[in-house]
Amino acid sequence: MATDSSPAEAFEALRREVALLRRALEGLAAEQKAQPDYSGVLTGIGERIKEQNATLGAMAKAPALQLTPEAIGQHILRASQQVRAEEARLLGHAQNGMAAAARQIESALATARTAQDQQRAVKWYAAAGAFVGAVLMLLASLIAPVLEAQIQDVAVTTNAIDASYRGH
C-alpha cells in the first residue's frame, strides 16, 4: 500500500491516535471512579442469602416436607377412616339407644294395655258380684221366712223335749 505521507506525518498521526487512546482510558478510569461502591451492599445480600439457605435447609429437614404426595394421601385416608369408624361407632350407639327406647315404649304400652284389661276385668267382676249379691239377697229374703218357721218349730220341739226330761 503506497502512501503519500512522510514519516513525520505518520508519526504525527500515531501521536494523535495514542493521545486519543489515552484520553479514552482516562475517561474510563474517571467513569469507574464515579460509580458507587456496592461491595458493602453485596456483602449484606450475600449474608442474607446464606441465612436464608440455612433456614431453607432446616425447613427441608422438617418431617412435613419429607412427605410425598402419596404419603400425604395415605395420612388423609387413615385419618378419614378413623373419623368414619368413630362416626359408625356413635351411630351404632345411637341405634342401640333408639332400639332400647322403642322396647321401653312397647313395654309401657303393653303394661298400659294390661292395666286397661285389668280395669275392665275388675268392672266385670264387680258387676257380676253385684248381680250375684242381689240374687242371693232376693233368695235370702224368700228363704228367711221359711227358715224362721223351721227354726221356731225346732225351738218348740227342743223345748218340748227339754220339758219332758225335766218332768221325769
N, C-alpha and C. Protein backbone atom coordinates (compact mmCIF):
# COMPACT_ATOMS: atom_id res chain seq x y z
N MET A 1 0.84 -1.13 0.00
CA MET A 1 0.00 0.00 0.00
C MET A 1 0.91 1.22 0.00
N ALA A 2 0.72 2.01 -0.94
CA ALA A 2 1.58 3.19 -1.07
C ALA A 2 0.89 4.37 -0.47
N THR A 3 1.60 5.09 0.35
CA THR A 3 1.04 6.28 0.98
C THR A 3 1.89 7.47 0.62
N ASP A 4 1.29 8.60 0.58
CA ASP A 4 1.99 9.84 0.25
C ASP A 4 2.52 10.48 1.51
N SER A 5 2.38 9.90 2.60
CA SER A 5 2.79 10.55 3.81
C SER A 5 4.25 10.31 4.09
N SER A 6 4.72 11.25 4.79
CA SER A 6 6.11 11.17 5.20
C SER A 6 6.17 10.54 6.56
N PRO A 7 7.31 10.16 6.98
CA PRO A 7 7.41 9.56 8.30
C PRO A 7 6.99 10.55 9.36
N ALA A 8 7.18 11.81 9.14
CA ALA A 8 6.78 12.78 10.16
C ALA A 8 5.27 12.83 10.27
N GLU A 9 4.62 12.76 9.14
CA GLU A 9 3.16 12.79 9.17
C GLU A 9 2.64 11.49 9.80
N ALA A 10 3.27 10.42 9.50
CA ALA A 10 2.85 9.15 10.08
C ALA A 10 3.05 9.18 11.60
N PHE A 11 4.16 9.76 12.00
CA PHE A 11 4.44 9.85 13.43
C PHE A 11 3.41 10.74 14.10
N GLU A 12 3.04 11.83 13.44
CA GLU A 12 2.05 12.75 14.00
C GLU A 12 0.70 12.04 14.09
N ALA A 13 0.32 11.27 13.12
CA ALA A 13 -0.95 10.54 13.15
C ALA A 13 -0.93 9.52 14.27
N LEU A 14 0.22 8.88 14.47
CA LEU A 14 0.34 7.89 15.54
C LEU A 14 0.23 8.58 16.89
N ARG A 15 0.84 9.77 17.01
CA ARG A 15 0.78 10.50 18.26
C ARG A 15 -0.67 10.88 18.56
N ARG A 16 -1.45 11.27 17.56
CA ARG A 16 -2.84 11.66 17.77
C ARG A 16 -3.66 10.43 18.21
N GLU A 17 -3.39 9.30 17.60
CA GLU A 17 -4.12 8.08 17.99
C GLU A 17 -3.78 7.69 19.41
N VAL A 18 -2.53 7.78 19.79
CA VAL A 18 -2.13 7.43 21.16
C VAL A 18 -2.77 8.42 22.13
N ALA A 19 -2.79 9.72 21.77
CA ALA A 19 -3.42 10.73 22.65
C ALA A 19 -4.90 10.43 22.79
N LEU A 20 -5.52 10.04 21.67
CA LEU A 20 -6.94 9.70 21.71
C LEU A 20 -7.20 8.49 22.60
N LEU A 21 -6.33 7.50 22.49
CA LEU A 21 -6.48 6.30 23.33
C LEU A 21 -6.25 6.66 24.79
N ARG A 22 -5.26 7.55 25.06
CA ARG A 22 -5.00 7.93 26.45
C ARG A 22 -6.21 8.66 27.04
N ARG A 23 -6.81 9.56 26.27
CA ARG A 23 -7.98 10.30 26.76
C ARG A 23 -9.14 9.32 27.00
N ALA A 24 -9.27 8.34 26.11
CA ALA A 24 -10.34 7.34 26.27
C ALA A 24 -10.12 6.53 27.54
N LEU A 25 -8.87 6.15 27.79
CA LEU A 25 -8.57 5.37 29.00
C LEU A 25 -8.77 6.21 30.25
N GLU A 26 -8.41 7.47 30.19
CA GLU A 26 -8.63 8.35 31.35
C GLU A 26 -10.12 8.52 31.60
N GLY A 27 -10.87 8.62 30.51
CA GLY A 27 -12.34 8.74 30.66
C GLY A 27 -12.95 7.49 31.30
N LEU A 28 -12.44 6.33 30.91
CA LEU A 28 -12.93 5.08 31.51
C LEU A 28 -12.57 5.01 32.98
N ALA A 29 -11.35 5.43 33.30
CA ALA A 29 -10.93 5.42 34.70
C ALA A 29 -11.78 6.38 35.52
N ALA A 30 -12.08 7.54 34.93
CA ALA A 30 -12.91 8.53 35.63
C ALA A 30 -14.32 7.98 35.85
N GLU A 31 -14.85 7.31 34.85
CA GLU A 31 -16.18 6.72 34.99
C GLU A 31 -16.18 5.65 36.06
N GLN A 32 -15.09 4.88 36.10
CA GLN A 32 -15.02 3.81 37.08
C GLN A 32 -14.96 4.39 38.49
N LYS A 33 -14.26 5.49 38.69
CA LYS A 33 -14.19 6.14 39.99
C LYS A 33 -15.53 6.77 40.35
N ALA A 34 -16.28 7.23 39.37
CA ALA A 34 -17.55 7.89 39.62
C ALA A 34 -18.64 6.90 40.03
N GLN A 35 -18.50 5.61 39.74
CA GLN A 35 -19.52 4.61 40.11
C GLN A 35 -19.46 4.37 41.61
N PRO A 36 -20.67 4.15 42.24
CA PRO A 36 -20.68 3.91 43.69
C PRO A 36 -20.08 2.55 44.02
N ASP A 37 -19.66 2.42 45.27
CA ASP A 37 -19.07 1.16 45.74
C ASP A 37 -20.19 0.28 46.30
N TYR A 38 -20.49 -0.79 45.61
CA TYR A 38 -21.56 -1.70 46.02
C TYR A 38 -21.04 -2.89 46.82
N SER A 39 -19.82 -2.92 47.19
CA SER A 39 -19.26 -4.09 47.86
C SER A 39 -19.94 -4.33 49.21
N GLY A 40 -20.25 -3.29 50.00
CA GLY A 40 -20.95 -3.47 51.28
C GLY A 40 -22.35 -4.02 51.11
N VAL A 41 -23.04 -3.46 50.12
CA VAL A 41 -24.40 -3.93 49.84
C VAL A 41 -24.36 -5.38 49.39
N LEU A 42 -23.42 -5.69 48.50
CA LEU A 42 -23.33 -7.07 48.00
C LEU A 42 -22.94 -8.03 49.12
N THR A 43 -22.11 -7.59 50.05
CA THR A 43 -21.74 -8.43 51.20
C THR A 43 -22.99 -8.72 52.04
N GLY A 44 -23.82 -7.67 52.31
CA GLY A 44 -25.06 -7.86 53.07
C GLY A 44 -26.01 -8.81 52.38
N ILE A 45 -26.13 -8.66 51.06
CA ILE A 45 -27.02 -9.56 50.31
C ILE A 45 -26.50 -10.98 50.40
N GLY A 46 -25.19 -11.16 50.30
CA GLY A 46 -24.60 -12.50 50.41
C GLY A 46 -24.88 -13.12 51.77
N GLU A 47 -24.77 -12.32 52.84
CA GLU A 47 -25.04 -12.84 54.19
C GLU A 47 -26.51 -13.25 54.34
N ARG A 48 -27.41 -12.42 53.80
CA ARG A 48 -28.84 -12.77 53.89
C ARG A 48 -29.15 -14.04 53.08
N ILE A 49 -28.49 -14.19 51.96
CA ILE A 49 -28.69 -15.41 51.16
C ILE A 49 -28.20 -16.62 51.95
N LYS A 50 -27.08 -16.49 52.66
CA LYS A 50 -26.58 -17.60 53.48
C LYS A 50 -27.58 -17.93 54.59
N GLU A 51 -28.13 -16.89 55.25
CA GLU A 51 -29.12 -17.11 56.32
C GLU A 51 -30.36 -17.82 55.77
N GLN A 52 -30.81 -17.34 54.61
CA GLN A 52 -32.00 -17.95 54.01
C GLN A 52 -31.72 -19.39 53.58
N ASN A 53 -30.52 -19.65 53.10
CA ASN A 53 -30.16 -21.03 52.75
C ASN A 53 -30.18 -21.91 53.99
N ALA A 54 -29.66 -21.38 55.12
CA ALA A 54 -29.67 -22.16 56.36
C ALA A 54 -31.11 -22.42 56.80
N THR A 55 -31.97 -21.41 56.73
CA THR A 55 -33.38 -21.57 57.11
C THR A 55 -34.08 -22.57 56.19
N LEU A 56 -33.82 -22.44 54.90
CA LEU A 56 -34.43 -23.38 53.95
C LEU A 56 -33.92 -24.81 54.17
N GLY A 57 -32.64 -24.93 54.55
CA GLY A 57 -32.10 -26.26 54.85
C GLY A 57 -32.79 -26.88 56.04
N ALA A 58 -33.03 -26.05 57.09
CA ALA A 58 -33.74 -26.56 58.27
C ALA A 58 -35.17 -26.92 57.90
N MET A 59 -35.80 -26.10 57.08
CA MET A 59 -37.19 -26.39 56.68
C MET A 59 -37.25 -27.66 55.83
N ALA A 60 -36.23 -27.86 55.02
CA ALA A 60 -36.23 -29.04 54.16
C ALA A 60 -36.13 -30.32 54.98
N LYS A 61 -35.55 -30.21 56.18
CA LYS A 61 -35.43 -31.38 57.05
C LYS A 61 -36.69 -31.63 57.86
N ALA A 62 -37.66 -30.72 57.82
CA ALA A 62 -38.91 -30.87 58.57
C ALA A 62 -39.66 -32.10 58.06
N PRO A 63 -40.28 -32.86 58.98
CA PRO A 63 -40.98 -34.09 58.58
C PRO A 63 -42.10 -33.83 57.56
N ALA A 64 -42.78 -32.70 57.69
CA ALA A 64 -43.89 -32.44 56.77
C ALA A 64 -43.40 -32.28 55.34
N LEU A 65 -42.20 -31.71 55.19
CA LEU A 65 -41.68 -31.51 53.84
C LEU A 65 -41.02 -32.77 53.29
N GLN A 66 -40.80 -33.75 54.15
CA GLN A 66 -40.23 -35.01 53.69
C GLN A 66 -41.30 -35.90 53.07
N LEU A 67 -42.56 -35.58 53.34
CA LEU A 67 -43.66 -36.41 52.84
C LEU A 67 -43.88 -36.19 51.35
N THR A 68 -44.17 -37.27 50.69
CA THR A 68 -44.53 -37.20 49.28
C THR A 68 -46.04 -37.03 49.17
N PRO A 69 -46.54 -36.62 48.03
CA PRO A 69 -47.99 -36.51 47.88
C PRO A 69 -48.70 -37.83 48.16
N GLU A 70 -48.09 -38.95 47.80
CA GLU A 70 -48.70 -40.26 48.06
C GLU A 70 -48.79 -40.52 49.57
N ALA A 71 -47.70 -40.15 50.30
CA ALA A 71 -47.71 -40.36 51.76
C ALA A 71 -48.76 -39.47 52.41
N ILE A 72 -48.87 -38.24 51.95
CA ILE A 72 -49.89 -37.33 52.50
C ILE A 72 -51.27 -37.90 52.21
N GLY A 73 -51.46 -38.44 51.01
CA GLY A 73 -52.75 -39.07 50.68
C GLY A 73 -53.06 -40.23 51.61
N GLN A 74 -52.04 -41.02 51.94
CA GLN A 74 -52.24 -42.15 52.87
C GLN A 74 -52.62 -41.64 54.26
N HIS A 75 -51.96 -40.57 54.71
CA HIS A 75 -52.29 -40.00 56.02
C HIS A 75 -53.74 -39.50 56.04
N ILE A 76 -54.13 -38.83 54.97
CA ILE A 76 -55.51 -38.34 54.89
C ILE A 76 -56.49 -39.50 54.87
N LEU A 77 -56.16 -40.55 54.13
CA LEU A 77 -57.04 -41.73 54.06
C LEU A 77 -57.19 -42.38 55.44
N ARG A 78 -56.06 -42.56 56.17
CA ARG A 78 -56.14 -43.16 57.50
C ARG A 78 -56.95 -42.28 58.45
N ALA A 79 -56.74 -40.97 58.39
CA ALA A 79 -57.49 -40.06 59.26
C ALA A 79 -58.98 -40.12 58.95
N SER A 80 -59.35 -40.16 57.68
CA SER A 80 -60.77 -40.24 57.32
C SER A 80 -61.37 -41.57 57.75
N GLN A 81 -60.59 -42.65 57.66
CA GLN A 81 -61.09 -43.95 58.11
C GLN A 81 -61.32 -43.95 59.61
N GLN A 82 -60.42 -43.31 60.36
CA GLN A 82 -60.60 -43.23 61.81
C GLN A 82 -61.85 -42.43 62.15
N VAL A 83 -62.05 -41.32 61.44
CA VAL A 83 -63.23 -40.50 61.70
C VAL A 83 -64.49 -41.27 61.35
N ARG A 84 -64.47 -41.97 60.21
CA ARG A 84 -65.66 -42.75 59.84
C ARG A 84 -65.91 -43.88 60.82
N ALA A 85 -64.86 -44.50 61.33
CA ALA A 85 -65.03 -45.57 62.31
C ALA A 85 -65.66 -45.01 63.58
N GLU A 86 -65.21 -43.86 64.01
CA GLU A 86 -65.79 -43.23 65.21
C GLU A 86 -67.25 -42.87 64.95
N GLU A 87 -67.54 -42.32 63.77
CA GLU A 87 -68.93 -41.99 63.43
C GLU A 87 -69.79 -43.25 63.38
N ALA A 88 -69.25 -44.33 62.84
CA ALA A 88 -70.01 -45.60 62.78
C ALA A 88 -70.28 -46.11 64.19
N ARG A 89 -69.28 -45.99 65.08
CA ARG A 89 -69.47 -46.42 66.47
C ARG A 89 -70.55 -45.58 67.13
N LEU A 90 -70.51 -44.26 66.94
CA LEU A 90 -71.52 -43.39 67.54
C LEU A 90 -72.90 -43.67 66.95
N LEU A 91 -72.96 -43.94 65.65
CA LEU A 91 -74.24 -44.26 65.02
C LEU A 91 -74.79 -45.57 65.59
N GLY A 92 -73.93 -46.57 65.76
CA GLY A 92 -74.37 -47.84 66.36
C GLY A 92 -74.87 -47.64 67.78
N HIS A 93 -74.16 -46.79 68.52
CA HIS A 93 -74.58 -46.49 69.90
C HIS A 93 -75.95 -45.81 69.89
N ALA A 94 -76.13 -44.88 68.96
CA ALA A 94 -77.41 -44.19 68.85
C ALA A 94 -78.52 -45.16 68.45
N GLN A 95 -78.22 -46.07 67.53
CA GLN A 95 -79.21 -47.06 67.11
C GLN A 95 -79.59 -47.97 68.28
N ASN A 96 -78.60 -48.39 69.06
CA ASN A 96 -78.89 -49.22 70.23
C ASN A 96 -79.76 -48.46 71.22
N GLY A 97 -79.45 -47.17 71.42
CA GLY A 97 -80.26 -46.35 72.32
C GLY A 97 -81.69 -46.22 71.83
N MET A 98 -81.84 -46.03 70.51
CA MET A 98 -83.18 -45.91 69.95
C MET A 98 -83.94 -47.23 70.09
N ALA A 99 -83.24 -48.34 69.86
CA ALA A 99 -83.90 -49.65 69.99
C ALA A 99 -84.33 -49.88 71.44
N ALA A 100 -83.47 -49.51 72.40
CA ALA A 100 -83.83 -49.66 73.81
C ALA A 100 -85.03 -48.79 74.16
N ALA A 101 -85.04 -47.56 73.65
CA ALA A 101 -86.17 -46.66 73.90
C ALA A 101 -87.45 -47.23 73.29
N ALA A 102 -87.35 -47.81 72.10
CA ALA A 102 -88.53 -48.41 71.45
C ALA A 102 -89.04 -49.58 72.28
N ARG A 103 -88.11 -50.39 72.81
CA ARG A 103 -88.53 -51.52 73.66
C ARG A 103 -89.22 -51.01 74.93
N GLN A 104 -88.70 -49.95 75.50
CA GLN A 104 -89.31 -49.40 76.72
C GLN A 104 -90.71 -48.86 76.41
N ILE A 105 -90.85 -48.21 75.26
CA ILE A 105 -92.17 -47.69 74.89
C ILE A 105 -93.14 -48.84 74.66
N GLU A 106 -92.68 -49.89 73.97
CA GLU A 106 -93.53 -51.06 73.74
C GLU A 106 -93.93 -51.70 75.06
N SER A 107 -92.98 -51.79 75.98
CA SER A 107 -93.27 -52.36 77.30
C SER A 107 -94.29 -51.51 78.05
N ALA A 108 -94.10 -50.19 77.97
CA ALA A 108 -95.05 -49.29 78.66
C ALA A 108 -96.44 -49.42 78.05
N LEU A 109 -96.51 -49.53 76.72
CA LEU A 109 -97.82 -49.71 76.07
C LEU A 109 -98.45 -51.04 76.47
N ALA A 110 -97.63 -52.09 76.53
CA ALA A 110 -98.17 -53.40 76.93
C ALA A 110 -98.66 -53.34 78.37
N THR A 111 -97.90 -52.65 79.23
CA THR A 111 -98.33 -52.50 80.62
C THR A 111 -99.62 -51.71 80.70
N ALA A 112 -99.71 -50.66 79.88
CA ALA A 112 -100.93 -49.85 79.87
C ALA A 112 -102.11 -50.69 79.38
N ARG A 113 -101.87 -51.51 78.34
CA ARG A 113 -102.95 -52.38 77.86
C ARG A 113 -103.35 -53.38 78.93
N THR A 114 -102.35 -53.95 79.61
CA THR A 114 -102.63 -54.91 80.68
C THR A 114 -103.42 -54.23 81.79
N ALA A 115 -103.03 -53.03 82.15
CA ALA A 115 -103.75 -52.30 83.20
C ALA A 115 -105.17 -52.01 82.76
N GLN A 116 -105.34 -51.64 81.49
CA GLN A 116 -106.67 -51.38 80.97
C GLN A 116 -107.51 -52.66 80.98
N ASP A 117 -106.89 -53.78 80.58
CA ASP A 117 -107.59 -55.06 80.61
C ASP A 117 -107.97 -55.42 82.04
N GLN A 118 -107.07 -55.17 82.98
CA GLN A 118 -107.35 -55.48 84.39
C GLN A 118 -108.49 -54.60 84.90
N GLN A 119 -108.49 -53.33 84.53
CA GLN A 119 -109.58 -52.46 84.98
C GLN A 119 -110.91 -52.92 84.40
N ARG A 120 -110.88 -53.34 83.14
CA ARG A 120 -112.11 -53.84 82.51
C ARG A 120 -112.59 -55.11 83.23
N ALA A 121 -111.64 -56.00 83.56
CA ALA A 121 -111.99 -57.24 84.26
C ALA A 121 -112.56 -56.94 85.64
N VAL A 122 -111.94 -55.97 86.34
CA VAL A 122 -112.45 -55.61 87.67
C VAL A 122 -113.88 -55.09 87.57
N LYS A 123 -114.16 -54.30 86.54
CA LYS A 123 -115.52 -53.78 86.37
C LYS A 123 -116.50 -54.92 86.11
N TRP A 124 -116.10 -55.90 85.28
CA TRP A 124 -116.98 -57.04 85.02
C TRP A 124 -117.21 -57.86 86.28
N TYR A 125 -116.12 -58.11 87.02
CA TYR A 125 -116.25 -58.89 88.25
C TYR A 125 -117.11 -58.16 89.27
N ALA A 126 -116.97 -56.85 89.35
CA ALA A 126 -117.79 -56.07 90.29
C ALA A 126 -119.26 -56.15 89.89
N ALA A 127 -119.50 -56.04 88.58
CA ALA A 127 -120.89 -56.12 88.11
C ALA A 127 -121.45 -57.53 88.39
N ALA A 128 -120.62 -58.54 88.12
CA ALA A 128 -121.08 -59.92 88.36
C ALA A 128 -121.30 -60.14 89.85
N GLY A 129 -120.38 -59.62 90.68
CA GLY A 129 -120.54 -59.77 92.13
C GLY A 129 -121.79 -59.06 92.63
N ALA A 130 -122.08 -57.89 92.09
CA ALA A 130 -123.29 -57.15 92.49
C ALA A 130 -124.54 -57.94 92.09
N PHE A 131 -124.48 -58.51 90.88
CA PHE A 131 -125.63 -59.30 90.42
C PHE A 131 -125.84 -60.53 91.30
N VAL A 132 -124.73 -61.24 91.58
CA VAL A 132 -124.84 -62.44 92.42
C VAL A 132 -125.31 -62.05 93.81
N GLY A 133 -124.78 -60.93 94.31
CA GLY A 133 -125.22 -60.46 95.64
C GLY A 133 -126.70 -60.13 95.67
N ALA A 134 -127.18 -59.50 94.60
CA ALA A 134 -128.61 -59.15 94.54
C ALA A 134 -129.46 -60.42 94.49
N VAL A 135 -129.00 -61.41 93.70
CA VAL A 135 -129.74 -62.66 93.61
C VAL A 135 -129.77 -63.36 94.97
N LEU A 136 -128.62 -63.38 95.66
CA LEU A 136 -128.57 -64.01 96.98
C LEU A 136 -129.46 -63.28 97.98
N MET A 137 -129.49 -61.95 97.90
CA MET A 137 -130.36 -61.19 98.82
C MET A 137 -131.83 -61.53 98.55
N LEU A 138 -132.14 -61.64 97.25
CA LEU A 138 -133.53 -62.00 96.90
C LEU A 138 -133.87 -63.39 97.43
N LEU A 139 -132.92 -64.33 97.22
CA LEU A 139 -133.16 -65.68 97.73
C LEU A 139 -133.24 -65.68 99.25
N ALA A 140 -132.39 -64.91 99.89
CA ALA A 140 -132.40 -64.86 101.35
C ALA A 140 -133.72 -64.30 101.86
N SER A 141 -134.23 -63.28 101.16
CA SER A 141 -135.50 -62.71 101.61
C SER A 141 -136.65 -63.70 101.40
N LEU A 142 -136.51 -64.55 100.41
CA LEU A 142 -137.55 -65.55 100.19
C LEU A 142 -137.40 -66.74 101.15
N ILE A 143 -136.17 -67.10 101.43
CA ILE A 143 -135.91 -68.27 102.27
C ILE A 143 -136.03 -67.92 103.75
N ALA A 144 -135.79 -66.67 104.10
CA ALA A 144 -135.77 -66.28 105.52
C ALA A 144 -137.08 -66.61 106.24
N PRO A 145 -138.25 -66.33 105.69
CA PRO A 145 -139.48 -66.68 106.43
C PRO A 145 -139.62 -68.19 106.61
N VAL A 146 -139.19 -68.93 105.60
CA VAL A 146 -139.30 -70.39 105.70
C VAL A 146 -138.35 -70.87 106.78
N LEU A 147 -137.14 -70.37 106.77
CA LEU A 147 -136.15 -70.77 107.78
C LEU A 147 -136.60 -70.34 109.17
N GLU A 148 -137.21 -69.16 109.26
CA GLU A 148 -137.66 -68.69 110.57
C GLU A 148 -138.74 -69.63 111.14
N ALA A 149 -139.61 -70.09 110.26
CA ALA A 149 -140.66 -71.00 110.70
C ALA A 149 -140.06 -72.33 111.12
N GLN A 150 -139.05 -72.81 110.40
CA GLN A 150 -138.42 -74.08 110.77
C GLN A 150 -137.63 -73.92 112.06
N ILE A 151 -137.01 -72.77 112.22
CA ILE A 151 -136.27 -72.56 113.46
C ILE A 151 -137.24 -72.53 114.64
N GLN A 152 -138.37 -71.93 114.48
CA GLN A 152 -139.33 -71.90 115.56
C GLN A 152 -139.86 -73.31 115.85
N ASP A 153 -140.07 -74.10 114.83
CA ASP A 153 -140.51 -75.48 115.03
C ASP A 153 -139.45 -76.26 115.78
N VAL A 154 -138.21 -76.05 115.42
CA VAL A 154 -137.12 -76.75 116.10
C VAL A 154 -137.07 -76.28 117.55
N ALA A 155 -137.25 -74.99 117.75
CA ALA A 155 -137.19 -74.45 119.11
C ALA A 155 -138.34 -75.02 119.95
N VAL A 156 -139.50 -75.12 119.37
CA VAL A 156 -140.64 -75.67 120.09
C VAL A 156 -140.39 -77.14 120.40
N THR A 157 -139.87 -77.85 119.44
CA THR A 157 -139.59 -79.27 119.64
C THR A 157 -138.53 -79.43 120.70
N THR A 158 -137.52 -78.58 120.66
CA THR A 158 -136.43 -78.66 121.63
C THR A 158 -136.97 -78.34 123.01
N ASN A 159 -137.81 -77.38 123.12
CA ASN A 159 -138.38 -77.01 124.42
C ASN A 159 -139.28 -78.14 124.93
N ALA A 160 -140.01 -78.79 124.05
CA ALA A 160 -140.88 -79.87 124.46
C ALA A 160 -140.05 -81.05 124.93
N ILE A 161 -138.98 -81.33 124.25
CA ILE A 161 -138.11 -82.45 124.65
C ILE A 161 -137.45 -82.10 125.97
N ASP A 162 -137.06 -80.91 126.08
CA ASP A 162 -136.39 -80.45 127.30
C ASP A 162 -137.36 -80.51 128.48
N ALA A 163 -138.62 -80.13 128.27
CA ALA A 163 -139.61 -80.16 129.34
C ALA A 163 -139.96 -81.60 129.72
N SER A 164 -139.95 -82.48 128.75
CA SER A 164 -140.28 -83.85 129.07
C SER A 164 -139.16 -84.50 129.88
N TYR A 165 -137.92 -84.10 129.69
CA TYR A 165 -136.86 -84.66 130.51
C TYR A 165 -136.83 -84.05 131.89
N ARG A 166 -137.29 -82.90 132.02
CA ARG A 166 -137.30 -82.25 133.33
C ARG A 166 -138.46 -82.78 134.17
N GLY A 167 -139.49 -83.15 133.57
CA GLY A 167 -140.64 -83.64 134.30
C GLY A 167 -140.47 -85.08 134.71
N HIS A 168 -139.62 -85.70 134.31
CA HIS A 168 -139.46 -87.09 134.73
C HIS A 168 -138.75 -87.14 135.98
